[in-house]
PDB file of N, CA and C in Angstrom:
ATOM      1  N   MET A   1       5.456 -23.413  -1.907  1.00  0.00           N
ATOM      2  CA  MET A   1       3.955 -22.120  -2.310  1.00  0.00           C
ATOM      3  C   MET A   1       4.600 -21.057  -1.947  1.00  0.00           C
ATOM      4  N   THR A   2       5.582 -21.155  -0.874  1.00  0.00           N
ATOM      5  CA  THR A   2       6.323 -19.981  -0.312  1.00  0.00           C
ATOM      6  C   THR A   2       7.566 -19.149  -0.863  1.00  0.00           C
ATOM      7  N   ARG A   3       8.079 -20.152  -1.560  1.00  0.00           N
ATOM      8  CA  ARG A   3       8.897 -19.571  -2.888  1.00  0.00           C
ATOM      9  C   ARG A   3       8.116 -18.934  -3.785  1.00  0.00           C
ATOM     10  N   ASP A   4       7.191 -19.363  -4.553  1.00  0.00           N
ATOM     11  CA  ASP A   4       6.262 -19.001  -5.078  1.00  0.00           C
ATOM     12  C   ASP A   4       5.471 -17.315  -4.771  1.00  0.00           C
ATOM     13  N   LEU A   5       4.912 -16.961  -3.769  1.00  0.00           N
ATOM     14  CA  LEU A   5       5.173 -16.245  -3.505  1.00  0.00           C
ATOM     15  C   LEU A   5       5.510 -15.281  -2.506  1.00  0.00           C
ATOM     16  N   ARG A   6       7.070 -15.566  -3.372  1.00  0.00           N
ATOM     17  CA  ARG A   6       8.208 -15.062  -2.509  1.00  0.00           C
ATOM     18  C   ARG A   6       8.851 -14.037  -3.831  1.00  0.00           C
ATOM     19  N   ALA A   7       8.507 -15.020  -5.256  1.00  0.00           N
ATOM     20  CA  ALA A   7       8.377 -14.426  -6.349  1.00  0.00           C
ATOM     21  C   ALA A   7       7.985 -13.465  -6.359  1.00  0.00           C
ATOM     22  N   ALA A   8       6.551 -14.315  -6.345  1.00  0.00           N
ATOM     23  CA  ALA A   8       5.205 -13.230  -6.638  1.00  0.00           C
ATOM     24  C   ALA A   8       6.082 -11.359  -6.525  1.00  0.00           C
ATOM     25  N   VAL A   9       5.661 -11.790  -5.092  1.00  0.00           N
ATOM     26  CA  VAL A   9       6.120 -10.403  -4.166  1.00  0.00           C
ATOM     27  C   VAL A   9       7.631  -9.603  -4.717  1.00  0.00           C
ATOM     28  N   SER A  10       8.031 -10.297  -4.247  1.00  0.00           N
ATOM     29  CA  SER A  10      10.024 -10.089  -5.605  1.00  0.00           C
ATOM     30  C   SER A  10       9.122  -8.956  -6.734  1.00  0.00           C
ATOM     31  N   ASP A  11       8.300  -9.577  -7.680  1.00  0.00           N
ATOM     32  CA  ASP A  11       8.050  -9.324  -8.582  1.00  0.00           C
ATOM     33  C   ASP A  11       7.078  -8.033  -9.158  1.00  0.00           C
ATOM     34  N   VAL A  12       6.651  -7.446  -7.925  1.00  0.00           N
ATOM     35  CA  VAL A  12       6.271  -6.410  -7.631  1.00  0.00           C
ATOM     36  C   VAL A  12       6.261  -5.562  -6.912  1.00  0.00           C
ATOM     37  N   MET A  13       7.407  -5.744  -6.044  1.00  0.00           N
ATOM     38  CA  MET A  13       7.512  -4.447  -4.919  1.00  0.00           C
ATOM     39  C   MET A  13       8.710  -3.396  -5.436  1.00  0.00           C
ATOM     40  N   PRO A  14       9.047  -3.689  -6.717  1.00  0.00           N
ATOM     41  CA  PRO A  14       9.547  -1.994  -6.812  1.00  0.00           C
ATOM     42  C   PRO A  14       8.343  -1.196  -7.391  1.00  0.00           C
ATOM     43  N   GLY A  15       7.121  -1.919  -8.575  1.00  0.00           N
ATOM     44  CA  GLY A  15       6.395  -0.815  -9.021  1.00  0.00           C
ATOM     45  C   GLY A  15       5.431  -0.486  -8.085  1.00  0.00           C
ATOM     46  N   VAL A  16       5.480  -1.259  -6.674  1.00  0.00           N
ATOM     47  CA  VAL A  16       5.260  -1.034  -5.620  1.00  0.00           C
ATOM     48  C   VAL A  16       5.300   0.084  -4.828  1.00  0.00           C
ATOM     49  N   ARG A  17       6.048   0.249  -4.579  1.00  0.00           N
ATOM     50  CA  ARG A  17       7.918   1.382  -4.003  1.00  0.00           C
ATOM     51  C   ARG A  17       8.182   2.325  -4.977  1.00  0.00           C
ATOM     52  N   ALA A  18       7.956   2.488  -6.341  1.00  0.00           N
ATOM     53  CA  ALA A  18       7.570   3.854  -6.417  1.00  0.00           C
ATOM     54  C   ALA A  18       5.941   4.133  -6.850  1.00  0.00           C
ATOM     55  N   ASP A  19       5.109   3.409  -6.882  1.00  0.00           N
ATOM     56  CA  ASP A  19       3.825   4.225  -6.120  1.00  0.00           C
ATOM     57  C   ASP A  19       3.287   4.800  -4.714  1.00  0.00           C
ATOM     58  N   LEU A  20       4.073   3.805  -3.617  1.00  0.00           N
ATOM     59  CA  LEU A  20       4.277   4.904  -2.397  1.00  0.00           C
ATOM     60  C   LEU A  20       5.416   5.737  -2.715  1.00  0.00           C
ATOM     61  N   GLU A  21       6.668   6.260  -3.264  1.00  0.00           N
ATOM     62  CA  GLU A  21       7.437   7.723  -3.837  1.00  0.00           C
ATOM     63  C   GLU A  21       6.255   8.369  -3.977  1.00  0.00           C
ATOM     64  N   ASP A  22       5.711   8.014  -5.134  1.00  0.00           N
ATOM     65  CA  ASP A  22       5.053   8.764  -5.674  1.00  0.00           C
ATOM     66  C   ASP A  22       3.976   9.583  -5.565  1.00  0.00           C
ATOM     67  N   LEU A  23       3.290   8.706  -4.409  1.00  0.00           N
ATOM     68  CA  LEU A  23       2.442   8.863  -3.661  1.00  0.00           C
ATOM     69  C   LEU A  23       2.598  10.126  -1.834  1.00  0.00           C
ATOM     70  N   VAL A  24       3.999   9.287  -0.792  1.00  0.00           N
ATOM     71  CA  VAL A  24       4.262  10.276  -0.210  1.00  0.00           C
ATOM     72  C   VAL A  24       5.261  11.944  -0.895  1.00  0.00           C
ATOM     73  N   ARG A  25       5.000  11.885  -2.292  1.00  0.00           N
ATOM     74  CA  ARG A  25       5.774  13.620  -2.745  1.00  0.00           C
ATOM     75  C   ARG A  25       4.487  14.635  -2.465  1.00  0.00           C
ATOM     76  N   ILE A  26       3.124  13.969  -2.693  1.00  0.00           N
ATOM     77  CA  ILE A  26       2.312  14.848  -2.560  1.00  0.00           C
ATOM     78  C   ILE A  26       1.613  15.935  -1.250  1.00  0.00           C
ATOM     79  N   GLN A  27       2.441  16.851  -1.298  1.00  0.00           N
ATOM     80  CA  GLN A  27       2.261  17.468   0.022  1.00  0.00           C
ATOM     81  C   GLN A  27       1.099  17.628   0.399  1.00  0.00           C
ATOM     82  N   SER A  28       0.492  16.574   0.666  1.00  0.00           N
ATOM     83  CA  SER A  28      -1.162  16.281   1.611  1.00  0.00           C
ATOM     84  C   SER A  28      -1.862  16.615   2.448  1.00  0.00           C
ATOM     85  N   VAL A  29      -1.150  17.417   3.468  1.00  0.00           N
ATOM     86  CA  VAL A  29      -1.621  17.784   5.050  1.00  0.00           C
ATOM     87  C   VAL A  29      -2.519  18.389   4.578  1.00  0.00           C
ATOM     88  N   SER A  30      -3.069  17.044   5.713  1.00  0.00           N
ATOM     89  CA  SER A  30      -4.956  18.255   5.877  1.00  0.00           C
ATOM     90  C   SER A  30      -5.168  19.329   6.576  1.00  0.00           C
ATOM     91  N   ALA A  31      -4.241  18.987   8.405  1.00  0.00           N
ATOM     92  CA  ALA A  31      -3.715  20.466   9.066  1.00  0.00           C
ATOM     93  C   ALA A  31      -3.617  21.865   8.286  1.00  0.00           C
ATOM     94  N   ASP A  32      -3.827  21.744   6.742  1.00  0.00           N
ATOM     95  CA  ASP A  32      -3.315  23.312   6.553  1.00  0.00           C
ATOM     96  C   ASP A  32      -3.919  22.965   5.577  1.00  0.00           C
ATOM     97  N   PRO A  33      -5.349  24.203   5.196  1.00  0.00           N
ATOM     98  CA  PRO A  33      -6.148  24.225   4.917  1.00  0.00           C
ATOM     99  C   PRO A  33      -5.583  24.654   3.741  1.00  0.00           C
ATOM    100  N   ALA A  34      -4.220  25.285   2.821  1.00  0.00           N
ATOM    101  CA  ALA A  34      -3.624  26.256   2.327  1.00  0.00           C
ATOM    102  C   ALA A  34      -3.717  25.075   1.025  1.00  0.00           C
ATOM    103  N   ARG A  35      -4.085  23.646   1.834  1.00  0.00           N
ATOM    104  CA  ARG A  35      -3.450  22.489   1.026  1.00  0.00           C
ATOM    105  C   ARG A  35      -4.072  21.074   0.883  1.00  0.00           C
ATOM    106  N   ALA A  36      -5.640  21.723   0.734  1.00  0.00           N
ATOM    107  CA  ALA A  36      -6.475  20.540   0.361  1.00  0.00           C
ATOM    108  C   ALA A  36      -6.643  20.160  -1.047  1.00  0.00           C
ATOM    109  N   HIS A  37      -6.323  21.151  -1.700  1.00  0.00           N
ATOM    110  CA  HIS A  37      -6.158  20.949  -3.684  1.00  0.00           C
ATOM    111  C   HIS A  37      -5.303  19.380  -3.333  1.00  0.00           C
ATOM    112  N   GLU A  38      -4.316  19.487  -1.913  1.00  0.00           N
ATOM    113  CA  GLU A  38      -3.215  18.690  -2.919  1.00  0.00           C
ATOM    114  C   GLU A  38      -3.703  17.117  -1.648  1.00  0.00           C
ATOM    115  N   VAL A  39      -4.821  16.845  -1.091  1.00  0.00           N
ATOM    116  CA  VAL A  39      -5.220  15.647  -0.543  1.00  0.00           C
ATOM    117  C   VAL A  39      -6.400  15.470  -1.665  1.00  0.00           C
ATOM    118  N   ARG A  40      -6.666  16.532  -1.984  1.00  0.00           N
ATOM    119  CA  ARG A  40      -7.868  16.008  -3.060  1.00  0.00           C
ATOM    120  C   ARG A  40      -6.907  14.814  -4.397  1.00  0.00           C
ATOM    121  N   ARG A  41      -6.193  15.860  -4.665  1.00  0.00           N
ATOM    122  CA  ARG A  41      -4.660  14.995  -5.416  1.00  0.00           C
ATOM    123  C   ARG A  41      -4.723  13.748  -4.705  1.00  0.00           C
ATOM    124  N   SER A  42      -3.150  13.597  -3.465  1.00  0.00           N
ATOM    125  CA  SER A  42      -3.582  12.713  -3.177  1.00  0.00           C
ATOM    126  C   SER A  42      -4.678  11.364  -3.123  1.00  0.00           C
ATOM    127  N   ALA A  43      -5.956  12.201  -3.061  1.00  0.00           N
ATOM    128  CA  ALA A  43      -7.127  11.214  -3.438  1.00  0.00           C
ATOM    129  C   ALA A  43      -7.441  10.295  -4.067  1.00  0.00           C
ATOM    130  N   GLU A  44      -6.995  10.656  -5.389  1.00  0.00           N
ATOM    131  CA  GLU A  44      -7.492  10.996  -6.657  1.00  0.00           C
ATOM    132  C   GLU A  44      -6.420   9.928  -6.881  1.00  0.00           C
ATOM    133  N   ALA A  45      -4.963  10.204  -7.410  1.00  0.00           N
ATOM    134  CA  ALA A  45      -4.012   9.236  -6.983  1.00  0.00           C
ATOM    135  C   ALA A  45      -4.468   7.609  -6.162  1.00  0.00           C
ATOM    136  N   THR A  46      -4.297   7.993  -4.934  1.00  0.00           N
ATOM    137  CA  THR A  46      -5.210   6.565  -4.666  1.00  0.00           C
ATOM    138  C   THR A  46      -6.272   6.225  -4.853  1.00  0.00           C
ATOM    139  N   ALA A  47      -7.050   6.548  -5.384  1.00  0.00           N
ATOM    140  CA  ALA A  47      -7.843   5.708  -5.552  1.00  0.00           C
ATOM    141  C   ALA A  47      -7.237   5.179  -7.738  1.00  0.00           C
ATOM    142  N   ALA A  48      -6.891   6.007  -8.817  1.00  0.00           N
ATOM    143  CA  ALA A  48      -6.350   5.708  -9.858  1.00  0.00           C
ATOM    144  C   ALA A  48      -5.404   3.969  -9.225  1.00  0.00           C
ATOM    145  N   LEU A  49      -4.559   4.009  -8.118  1.00  0.00           N
ATOM    146  CA  LEU A  49      -4.506   2.944  -8.014  1.00  0.00           C
ATOM    147  C   LEU A  49      -4.937   1.985  -7.908  1.00  0.00           C
ATOM    148  N   PHE A  50      -6.171   1.762  -6.851  1.00  0.00           N
ATOM    149  CA  PHE A  50      -6.851   0.788  -7.074  1.00  0.00           C
ATOM    150  C   PHE A  50      -7.648   0.807  -7.889  1.00  0.00           C
ATOM    151  N   ARG A  51      -7.996   1.414  -8.494  1.00  0.00           N
ATOM    152  CA  ARG A  51      -8.612   1.342  -9.980  1.00  0.00           C
ATOM    153  C   ARG A  51      -8.130   0.633 -10.941  1.00  0.00           C
ATOM    154  N   GLY A  52      -6.963   0.247 -11.027  1.00  0.00           N
ATOM    155  CA  GLY A  52      -5.808  -0.563 -10.885  1.00  0.00           C
ATOM    156  C   GLY A  52      -5.098  -1.302 -10.563  1.00  0.00           C
ATOM    157  N   ALA A  53      -5.346  -2.166  -9.594  1.00  0.00           N
ATOM    158  CA  ALA A  53      -5.482  -2.604  -9.143  1.00  0.00           C
ATOM    159  C   ALA A  53      -7.332  -3.588  -9.192  1.00  0.00           C
ATOM    160  N   GLY A  54      -8.550  -3.317 -10.297  1.00  0.00           N
ATOM    161  CA  GLY A  54      -9.217  -3.495 -10.428  1.00  0.00           C
ATOM    162  C   GLY A  54     -10.649  -3.753  -9.407  1.00  0.00           C
ATOM    163  N   LEU A  55     -10.132  -2.587  -8.288  1.00  0.00           N
ATOM    164  CA  LEU A  55     -11.738  -2.419  -6.953  1.00  0.00           C
ATOM    165  C   LEU A  55     -12.423  -1.216  -8.301  1.00  0.00           C
ATOM    166  N   ASP A  56     -13.333  -1.793  -7.028  1.00  0.00           N
ATOM    167  CA  ASP A  56     -14.670  -0.091  -7.123  1.00  0.00           C
ATOM    168  C   ASP A  56     -14.156   0.881  -6.670  1.00  0.00           C
ATOM    169  N   VAL A  57     -14.012   2.061  -7.003  1.00  0.00           N
ATOM    170  CA  VAL A  57     -13.908   3.040  -6.655  1.00  0.00           C
ATOM    171  C   VAL A  57     -14.872   4.195  -6.115  1.00  0.00           C
ATOM    172  N   GLU A  58     -14.950   5.063  -4.754  1.00  0.00           N
ATOM    173  CA  GLU A  58     -15.090   6.216  -4.850  1.00  0.00           C
ATOM    174  C   GLU A  58     -14.443   6.896  -4.105  1.00  0.00           C
ATOM    175  N   ILE A  59     -14.815   9.078  -3.968  1.00  0.00           N
ATOM    176  CA  ILE A  59     -13.981   9.767  -3.699  1.00  0.00           C
ATOM    177  C   ILE A  59     -15.534  10.034  -2.496  1.00  0.00           C
ATOM    178  N   LEU A  60     -15.375   9.886  -1.926  1.00  0.00           N
ATOM    179  CA  LEU A  60     -16.056  10.584  -0.863  1.00  0.00           C
ATOM    180  C   LEU A  60     -15.734  11.542  -1.029  1.00  0.00           C
ATOM    181  N   SER A  61     -16.654  12.877  -0.249  1.00  0.00           N
ATOM    182  CA  SER A  61     -16.861  14.015   1.027  1.00  0.00           C
ATOM    183  C   SER A  61     -17.545  14.780   1.594  1.00  0.00           C
ATOM    184  N   ALA A  62     -17.682  15.007   2.640  1.00  0.00           N
ATOM    185  CA  ALA A  62     -18.483  15.678   3.872  1.00  0.00           C
ATOM    186  C   ALA A  62     -18.017  16.845   3.466  1.00  0.00           C
ATOM    187  N   ASP A  63     -19.631  18.138   3.328  1.00  0.00           N
ATOM    188  CA  ASP A  63     -18.672  19.752   3.681  1.00  0.00           C
ATOM    189  C   ASP A  63     -18.106  19.502   4.834  1.00  0.00           C
ATOM    190  N   GLY A  64     -16.955  20.567   4.105  1.00  0.00           N
ATOM    191  CA  GLY A  64     -16.329  21.315   5.186  1.00  0.00           C
ATOM    192  C   GLY A  64     -15.152  20.096   5.689  1.00  0.00           C
ATOM    193  N   GLY A  65     -15.237  18.641   4.256  1.00  0.00           N
ATOM    194  CA  GLY A  65     -14.654  17.622   5.305  1.00  0.00           C
ATOM    195  C   GLY A  65     -13.366  17.440   4.495  1.00  0.00           C
ATOM    196  N   MET A  66     -12.597  16.084   4.941  1.00  0.00           N
ATOM    197  CA  MET A  66     -11.346  16.872   3.779  1.00  0.00           C
ATOM    198  C   MET A  66     -12.087  14.750   2.760  1.00  0.00           C
ATOM    199  N   PRO A  67     -11.109  14.343   1.607  1.00  0.00           N
ATOM    200  CA  PRO A  67     -11.460  13.630   0.860  1.00  0.00           C
ATOM    201  C   PRO A  67     -11.668  12.031   1.140  1.00  0.00           C
ATOM    202  N   ALA A  68     -12.062  11.306   1.354  1.00  0.00           N
ATOM    203  CA  ALA A  68     -11.576   9.825   2.232  1.00  0.00           C
ATOM    204  C   ALA A  68     -12.313   9.086   0.410  1.00  0.00           C
ATOM    205  N   VAL A  69     -11.313   7.737   0.053  1.00  0.00           N
ATOM    206  CA  VAL A  69     -10.857   6.709  -0.739  1.00  0.00           C
ATOM    207  C   VAL A  69     -12.088   5.593   0.183  1.00  0.00           C
ATOM    208  N   LEU A  70     -13.144   5.443  -0.760  1.00  0.00           N
ATOM    209  CA  LEU A  70     -13.181   3.763  -0.517  1.00  0.00           C
ATOM    210  C   LEU A  70     -13.595   3.302  -2.190  1.00  0.00           C
ATOM    211  N   ALA A  71     -12.829   1.926  -1.551  1.00  0.00           N
ATOM    212  CA  ALA A  71     -12.588   1.089  -1.804  1.00  0.00           C
ATOM    213  C   ALA A  71     -12.994  -0.654  -2.244  1.00  0.00           C
ATOM    214  N   ARG A  72     -13.701  -1.151  -3.345  1.00  0.00           N
ATOM    215  CA  ARG A  72     -14.044  -2.612  -3.012  1.00  0.00           C
ATOM    216  C   ARG A  72     -13.656  -3.528  -4.018  1.00  0.00           C
ATOM    217  N   LYS A  73     -13.604  -4.846  -3.936  1.00  0.00           N
ATOM    218  CA  LYS A  73     -14.343  -5.662  -3.840  1.00  0.00           C
ATOM    219  C   LYS A  73     -14.297  -6.977  -3.626  1.00  0.00           C
ATOM    220  N   PRO A  74     -16.579  -7.168  -4.337  1.00  0.00           N
ATOM    221  CA  PRO A  74     -16.183  -8.602  -3.784  1.00  0.00           C
ATOM    222  C   PRO A  74     -16.158  -9.769  -3.265  1.00  0.00           C
ATOM    223  N   ALA A  75     -15.454  -9.602  -2.192  1.00  0.00           N
ATOM    224  CA  ALA A  75     -15.351 -11.427  -2.760  1.00  0.00           C
ATOM    225  C   ALA A  75     -16.611 -12.355  -3.238  1.00  0.00           C
ATOM    226  N   PRO A  76     -15.751 -13.753  -3.210  1.00  0.00           N
ATOM    227  CA  PRO A  76     -16.973 -14.670  -3.779  1.00  0.00           C
ATOM    228  C   PRO A  76     -17.963 -15.423  -2.730  1.00  0.00           C
ATOM    229  N   PRO A  77     -19.042 -15.744  -2.921  1.00  0.00           N
ATOM    230  CA  PRO A  77     -20.125 -16.337  -2.153  1.00  0.00           C
ATOM    231  C   PRO A  77     -18.851 -17.070  -0.962  1.00  0.00           C
ATOM    232  N   GLY A  78     -18.968 -16.861   0.196  1.00  0.00           N
ATOM    233  CA  GLY A  78     -18.879 -17.701   1.512  1.00  0.00           C
ATOM    234  C   GLY A  78     -17.150 -18.028   1.280  1.00  0.00           C
ATOM    235  N   ALA A  79     -16.875 -16.729   0.549  1.00  0.00           N
ATOM    236  CA  ALA A  79     -15.567 -16.763   1.775  1.00  0.00           C
ATOM    237  C   ALA A  79     -15.193 -15.497   2.190  1.00  0.00           C
ATOM    238  N   PRO A  80     -14.569 -15.610   3.118  1.00  0.00           N
ATOM    239  CA  PRO A  80     -13.417 -14.649   4.140  1.00  0.00           C
ATOM    240  C   PRO A  80     -13.173 -13.131   3.058  1.00  0.00           C
ATOM    241  N   THR A  81     -13.760 -12.441   4.366  1.00  0.00           N
ATOM    242  CA  THR A  81     -13.182 -10.648   3.528  1.00  0.00           C
ATOM    243  C   THR A  81     -12.204  -9.196   4.025  1.00  0.00           C
ATOM    244  N   VAL A  82     -12.375  -8.925   4.103  1.00  0.00           N
ATOM    245  CA  VAL A  82     -10.691  -8.590   4.690  1.00  0.00           C
ATOM    246  C   VAL A  82     -11.034  -6.357   4.339  1.00  0.00           C
ATOM    247  N   LEU A  83     -11.355  -5.522   5.719  1.00  0.00           N
ATOM    248  CA  LEU A  83     -11.165  -4.268   5.803  1.00  0.00           C
ATOM    249  C   LEU A  83     -10.101  -4.266   5.843  1.00  0.00           C
ATOM    250  N   LEU A  84      -9.467  -3.061   5.143  1.00  0.00           N
ATOM    251  CA  LEU A  84      -8.712  -2.322   5.356  1.00  0.00           C
ATOM    252  C   LEU A  84      -8.462  -0.421   5.738  1.00  0.00           C
ATOM    253  N   TYR A  85      -8.216  -0.284   6.651  1.00  0.00           N
ATOM    254  CA  TYR A  85      -8.024   1.912   6.437  1.00  0.00           C
ATOM    255  C   TYR A  85      -6.769   2.158   6.931  1.00  0.00           C
ATOM    256  N   ALA A  86      -6.527   3.014   6.399  1.00  0.00           N
ATOM    257  CA  ALA A  86      -6.093   4.049   6.092  1.00  0.00           C
ATOM    258  C   ALA A  86      -5.842   5.355   5.640  1.00  0.00           C
ATOM    259  N   HIS A  87      -4.100   6.151   6.549  1.00  0.00           N
ATOM    260  CA  HIS A  87      -5.080   7.041   5.430  1.00  0.00           C
ATOM    261  C   HIS A  87      -4.150   7.722   4.481  1.00  0.00           C
ATOM    262  N   HIS A  88      -4.235   8.847   3.842  1.00  0.00           N
ATOM    263  CA  HIS A  88      -3.474   9.251   2.577  1.00  0.00           C
ATOM    264  C   HIS A  88      -2.996  10.283   2.194  1.00  0.00           C
ATOM    265  N   ASP A  89      -2.944  10.974   3.603  1.00  0.00           N
ATOM    266  CA  ASP A  89      -2.705  12.411   3.435  1.00  0.00           C
ATOM    267  C   ASP A  89      -1.209  11.760   4.029  1.00  0.00           C
ATOM    268  N   VAL A  90      -0.345  13.428   4.963  1.00  0.00           N
ATOM    269  CA  VAL A  90       0.783  12.960   5.218  1.00  0.00           C
ATOM    270  C   VAL A  90       0.883  13.845   6.399  1.00  0.00           C
ATOM    271  N   GLN A  91       1.868  13.943   7.242  1.00  0.00           N
ATOM    272  CA  GLN A  91       2.350  14.806   8.353  1.00  0.00           C
ATOM    273  C   GLN A  91       3.015  16.294   7.574  1.00  0.00           C
ATOM    274  N   PRO A  92       2.997  17.233   8.662  1.00  0.00           N
ATOM    275  CA  PRO A  92       4.096  18.096   7.979  1.00  0.00           C
ATOM    276  C   PRO A  92       5.245  18.050   7.928  1.00  0.00           C
ATOM    277  N   GLU A  93       6.102  18.510   7.673  1.00  0.00           N
ATOM    278  CA  GLU A  93       7.314  18.369   7.366  1.00  0.00           C
ATOM    279  C   GLU A  93       7.838  18.699   8.708  1.00  0.00           C
ATOM    280  N   GLY A  94       8.986  18.545   9.666  1.00  0.00           N
ATOM    281  CA  GLY A  94       9.405  18.995  10.275  1.00  0.00           C
ATOM    282  C   GLY A  94       8.915  18.422  12.394  1.00  0.00           C
TER     283      GLY A  94
END
């Protein structure tokens, strides 16, 4: 089974890396109001990746706040669940 898992990870790693490279190229510096549109673009790109993985996705925005991506994939009854939390924005250069 370990070999199967390693093979599966190895098979998807090039695509995962390419997706990550695409995301970090987006200049989504949330501390810079001039880049708010880039933060929105980052949220849309992140949402698209989740949708591609079969998750239900919402982009949430509070007045004056930056967009948050909420993605769900309900577990079967009785199965354990996982919560992941991460940022889709980036830090400024330098």
